[in-house]
């Protein structure tokens, strides 16, 4: 007997899908039967993800959107519905980690605003326009990419990034409670340190990388595909009783350093 694909007949929109977690999730979701809307500001990277999905036999379309802009977020949701007929899964994954993000004294206000606009406001706008579409589809799953730093301060100062991910986590909890009886689940995916271009370009010296790695019980950086598999679970009906969670996929780092209340 053939095993049913985990996202058969679902439509998923993934922001920041031009690389890293977003690209891996796009490939994985499509391989499990979903039609995927690939969203990014980097057109070449986003279109490459679409080509990779199609080359593997999946369905995908590309939409250019800056998630910090309301019109772009409204547009990406409309594109999903017009292109594939509905929206079942919204993966608010786009985010930045700016090289000039440091401690509270040295981080410029402009870096704070930029980080908050993409990482936190982008999630808000995705939900603002995405939730009505999920309602029209009869429910669905929202996955918001937060971070382990939302619950555990980073050893390397990155005040704007950490605060933005804390905002994503608290926003996720509230959205989950508000929409729980509408068959809309909302969960925060909290990756640990990953071997992605985003983090490796930030931890740009071996000293910085070792300072982060020494805190990870598993002793290695995670891979984007490992996080994509966690997102797949949250996107699928297998997680039908899971909402409002901080889904930590972090190599044990928070278990080592967070003291239970």
Protein backbone atom coordinates (compact mmCIF):
# COMPACT_ATOMS: atom_id res chain seq x y z
CA UNK A 1 0.00 0.00 0.00
CA UNK A 2 1.41 3.37 -1.01
CA UNK A 3 1.94 5.86 1.79
CA UNK A 4 0.00 9.11 1.34
CA UNK A 5 2.07 12.25 0.97
CA UNK A 6 1.96 14.40 4.09
CA UNK A 7 0.90 17.63 2.35
CA UNK A 8 -1.17 16.14 -0.46
CA UNK A 9 -3.40 18.78 -2.14
CA UNK A 10 -2.24 21.56 0.20
CA UNK A 11 -0.95 24.97 -0.86
CA UNK A 12 1.96 26.42 1.12
CA UNK A 13 3.47 29.89 0.98
CA UNK A 14 7.05 30.25 2.23
CA UNK A 15 8.75 33.61 2.65
CA UNK A 16 12.52 33.84 2.42
CA UNK A 17 12.47 30.74 0.22
CA UNK A 18 15.42 31.76 -1.95
CA UNK A 19 17.84 29.90 0.31
CA UNK A 20 18.49 28.34 3.70
CA UNK A 21 15.54 26.99 5.65
CA UNK A 22 13.05 28.43 3.17
CA UNK A 23 14.52 26.66 0.14
CA UNK A 24 14.84 23.36 1.97
CA UNK A 25 11.25 23.66 3.15
CA UNK A 26 10.03 24.45 -0.36
CA UNK A 27 11.70 21.32 -1.72
CA UNK A 28 10.49 19.17 1.14
CA UNK A 29 6.90 20.48 1.09
CA UNK A 30 6.64 20.02 -2.67
CA UNK A 31 8.02 16.50 -2.37
CA UNK A 32 5.20 15.77 0.08
CA UNK A 33 2.53 16.92 -2.36
CA UNK A 34 2.12 20.64 -1.69
CA UNK A 35 1.97 23.37 -4.29
CA UNK A 36 4.48 25.96 -3.09
CA UNK A 37 4.52 29.73 -3.42
CA UNK A 38 8.15 30.81 -3.17
CA UNK A 39 8.50 34.36 -1.84
CA UNK A 40 11.71 36.38 -1.63
CA UNK A 41 13.20 39.79 -2.45
CA UNK A 42 16.09 38.11 -4.25
CA UNK A 43 14.48 37.27 -7.57
CA UNK A 44 17.27 35.11 -8.97
CA UNK A 45 17.47 33.00 -5.81
CA UNK A 46 13.70 32.67 -5.51
CA UNK A 47 13.28 31.66 -9.16
CA UNK A 48 16.09 29.14 -8.73
CA UNK A 49 14.15 27.53 -5.88
CA UNK A 50 11.10 27.29 -8.14
CA UNK A 51 13.20 25.65 -10.84
CA UNK A 52 14.59 23.14 -8.34
CA UNK A 53 11.08 22.27 -7.16
CA UNK A 54 9.82 21.83 -10.71
CA UNK A 55 12.86 19.80 -11.72
CA UNK A 56 12.00 17.39 -8.90
CA UNK A 57 8.46 17.09 -10.23
CA UNK A 58 6.77 19.53 -7.86
CA UNK A 59 4.51 22.53 -8.36
CA UNK A 60 5.74 26.02 -7.50
CA UNK A 61 5.39 29.67 -8.40
CA UNK A 62 7.49 32.70 -7.52
CA UNK A 63 6.34 36.03 -6.07
CA UNK A 64 8.60 38.97 -5.30
CA UNK A 65 7.75 40.51 -1.93
CA UNK A 66 9.40 42.65 0.72
CA UNK A 67 7.63 41.33 3.82
CA UNK A 68 8.03 44.67 5.61
CA UNK A 69 5.60 46.23 3.10
CA UNK A 70 1.87 45.69 3.49
CA UNK A 71 1.11 45.84 -0.23
CA UNK A 72 3.68 43.15 -0.97
CA UNK A 73 2.29 40.84 1.72
CA UNK A 74 -1.26 41.36 0.51
CA UNK A 75 -0.03 40.62 -3.00
CA UNK A 76 1.71 37.36 -2.13
CA UNK A 77 -1.44 36.00 -0.50
CA UNK A 78 -3.55 37.02 -3.48
CA UNK A 79 -1.02 35.34 -5.78
CA UNK A 80 -1.26 32.08 -3.83
CA UNK A 81 -5.04 32.02 -4.11
CA UNK A 82 -5.16 33.05 -7.77
CA UNK A 83 -2.35 30.69 -8.81
CA UNK A 84 -3.28 27.61 -6.78
CA UNK A 85 -6.85 28.26 -5.60
CA UNK A 86 -6.34 28.51 -1.84
CA UNK A 87 -3.83 28.76 1.02
CA UNK A 88 -3.40 26.04 3.64
CA UNK A 89 0.06 26.69 5.08
CA UNK A 90 1.74 30.04 5.74
CA UNK A 91 5.42 29.78 6.66
CA UNK A 92 6.60 33.23 7.76
CA UNK A 93 10.27 32.44 7.47
CA UNK A 94 11.94 35.55 5.99
CA UNK A 95 14.39 37.28 8.29
CA UNK A 96 17.67 39.12 8.56
CA UNK A 97 20.62 39.15 10.94
CA UNK A 98 22.51 42.38 10.25
CA UNK A 99 26.29 42.50 10.64
CA UNK A 100 26.01 45.82 12.49
CA UNK A 101 23.53 44.43 15.01
CA UNK A 102 25.42 44.45 18.30
CA UNK A 103 24.71 45.55 21.87
CA UNK A 104 22.27 48.27 22.93
CA UNK A 105 24.98 50.93 23.08
CA UNK A 106 26.54 50.40 19.67
CA UNK A 107 23.59 49.28 17.52
CA UNK A 108 22.26 52.11 15.38
CA UNK A 109 18.58 52.95 15.46
CA UNK A 110 18.37 52.31 11.71
CA UNK A 111 19.61 48.71 12.21
CA UNK A 112 17.04 48.20 14.96
CA UNK A 113 14.23 49.51 12.74
CA UNK A 114 15.29 47.47 9.71
CA UNK A 115 15.51 44.26 11.75
CA UNK A 116 12.17 44.81 13.46
CA UNK A 117 10.46 45.71 10.18
CA UNK A 118 11.49 42.47 8.48
CA UNK A 119 11.64 39.98 11.34
CA UNK A 120 8.64 41.07 13.44
CA UNK A 121 6.48 43.35 11.30
CA UNK A 122 6.92 40.94 8.39
CA UNK A 123 5.35 38.15 10.44
CA UNK A 124 2.52 40.45 11.52
CA UNK A 125 1.79 41.47 7.92
CA UNK A 126 1.97 37.88 6.70
CA UNK A 127 -0.64 36.93 9.30
CA UNK A 128 -2.73 40.05 8.69
CA UNK A 129 -3.34 39.06 5.08
CA UNK A 130 -2.80 35.32 5.39
CA UNK A 131 -5.33 34.53 8.11
CA UNK A 132 -8.36 35.56 6.00
CA UNK A 133 -7.09 33.23 3.27
CA UNK A 134 -6.72 30.36 5.74
CA UNK A 135 -10.27 31.04 6.91
CA UNK A 136 -11.48 30.81 3.31
CA UNK A 137 -9.72 27.44 3.03
CA UNK A 138 -11.43 26.16 6.17
CA UNK A 139 -8.36 26.45 8.38
CA UNK A 140 -4.67 25.73 8.18
CA UNK A 141 -1.25 26.08 9.73
CA UNK A 142 0.89 29.17 10.33
CA UNK A 143 4.56 28.60 11.11
CA UNK A 144 6.57 31.61 12.28
CA UNK A 145 10.34 31.35 12.36
CA UNK A 146 11.55 32.60 15.74
CA UNK A 147 14.85 31.42 17.26
CA UNK A 148 16.37 29.84 20.33
CA UNK A 149 17.45 33.38 21.27
CA UNK A 150 13.77 34.19 21.86
CA UNK A 151 14.10 32.17 25.06
CA UNK A 152 17.85 32.31 25.69
CA UNK A 153 20.07 35.37 25.32
CA UNK A 154 22.71 35.11 22.61
CA UNK A 155 26.35 34.82 23.65
CA UNK A 156 27.29 37.08 20.73
CA UNK A 157 25.45 40.43 21.07
CA UNK A 158 22.64 40.93 18.52
CA UNK A 159 20.10 43.01 20.39
CA UNK A 160 17.74 43.82 17.52
CA UNK A 161 17.64 40.25 16.21
CA UNK A 162 17.04 38.79 19.67
CA UNK A 163 14.27 41.29 20.44
CA UNK A 164 12.63 40.71 17.07
CA UNK A 165 12.53 36.96 17.59
CA UNK A 166 11.10 37.45 21.09
CA UNK A 167 8.35 39.48 19.44
CA UNK A 168 7.67 36.67 16.96
CA UNK A 169 7.36 34.18 19.81
CA UNK A 170 4.91 36.26 21.86
CA UNK A 171 2.91 37.20 18.75
CA UNK A 172 2.65 33.51 17.87
CA UNK A 173 1.21 32.65 21.27
CA UNK A 174 -1.47 35.33 21.03
CA UNK A 175 -2.45 34.43 17.46
CA UNK A 176 -2.70 30.77 18.45
CA UNK A 177 -5.12 31.56 21.27
CA UNK A 178 -7.24 33.94 19.19
CA UNK A 179 -7.66 31.60 16.23
CA UNK A 180 -7.66 28.19 17.94
CA UNK A 181 -11.39 27.59 17.33
CA UNK A 182 -11.16 28.54 13.67
CA UNK A 183 -9.09 25.46 12.81
CA UNK A 184 -6.06 27.72 12.41
CA UNK A 185 -2.94 26.59 14.23
CA UNK A 186 -0.04 28.97 14.87
CA UNK A 187 3.36 27.76 16.04
CA UNK A 188 6.81 29.29 16.43
CA UNK A 189 9.70 27.30 15.01
CA UNK A 190 12.78 28.06 17.08
CA UNK A 191 16.00 26.87 15.41
CA UNK A 192 19.27 26.67 17.24
CA UNK A 193 22.53 27.80 15.61
CA UNK A 194 22.55 26.64 11.99
CA UNK A 195 25.15 26.21 9.30
CA UNK A 196 23.38 28.64 6.99
CA UNK A 197 24.71 31.58 5.02
CA UNK A 198 22.75 33.92 7.31
CA UNK A 199 24.49 32.80 10.51
CA UNK A 200 27.89 31.93 9.07
CA UNK A 201 28.22 35.41 7.56
CA UNK A 202 27.37 36.87 10.98
CA UNK A 203 29.70 34.55 12.91
CA UNK A 204 32.46 35.48 10.48
CA UNK A 205 35.46 34.38 12.53
CA UNK A 206 36.37 31.00 13.96
CA UNK A 207 36.42 32.57 17.42
CA UNK A 208 32.80 33.71 17.08
CA UNK A 209 31.73 30.32 15.77
CA UNK A 210 33.41 28.43 18.58
CA UNK A 211 31.90 30.81 21.14
CA UNK A 212 28.48 29.81 19.86
CA UNK A 213 29.26 26.10 19.39
CA UNK A 214 30.64 25.59 22.88
CA UNK A 215 27.11 26.10 24.23
CA UNK A 216 25.50 23.43 22.01
CA UNK A 217 25.42 20.01 23.72
CA UNK A 218 25.42 18.19 20.36
CA UNK A 219 28.63 20.06 19.49
CA UNK A 220 27.68 21.05 15.95
CA UNK A 221 25.64 23.55 13.98
CA UNK A 222 22.27 22.37 12.75
CA UNK A 223 21.46 22.07 9.06
CA UNK A 224 18.68 23.93 7.26
CA UNK A 225 17.09 20.68 6.15
CA UNK A 226 16.73 19.55 9.77
CA UNK A 227 14.65 22.65 10.49
CA UNK A 228 12.64 22.12 7.30
CA UNK A 229 11.65 18.67 8.55
CA UNK A 230 10.34 20.23 11.77
CA UNK A 231 8.39 22.76 9.68
CA UNK A 232 6.94 19.89 7.65
CA UNK A 233 5.54 18.34 10.82
CA UNK A 234 3.94 21.63 11.84
CA UNK A 235 2.54 22.13 8.34
CA UNK A 236 1.02 18.65 8.18
CA UNK A 237 -2.12 17.26 9.79
CA UNK A 238 0.12 15.16 12.02
CA UNK A 239 0.39 18.22 14.28
CA UNK A 240 -3.39 18.79 14.37
CA UNK A 241 -3.42 19.23 18.18
CA UNK A 242 -0.31 21.42 18.28
CA UNK A 243 -0.72 25.18 18.53
CA UNK A 244 0.89 28.05 20.42
CA UNK A 245 4.15 26.16 20.88
CA UNK A 246 7.77 27.22 20.83
CA UNK A 247 9.07 24.30 18.80
CA UNK A 248 12.76 24.20 19.71
CA UNK A 249 15.08 22.44 17.26
CA UNK A 250 18.34 23.51 18.80
CA UNK A 251 20.74 20.66 19.47
CA UNK A 252 19.91 20.86 23.17
CA UNK A 253 21.19 24.38 23.80
CA UNK A 254 18.13 25.62 25.69
CA UNK A 255 17.90 22.42 27.73
CA UNK A 256 21.43 23.08 28.91
CA UNK A 257 20.91 26.71 29.89
CA UNK A 258 17.25 27.39 30.66
CA UNK A 259 16.27 26.66 34.27
CA UNK A 260 12.70 25.35 34.65
CA UNK A 261 10.40 27.53 36.74
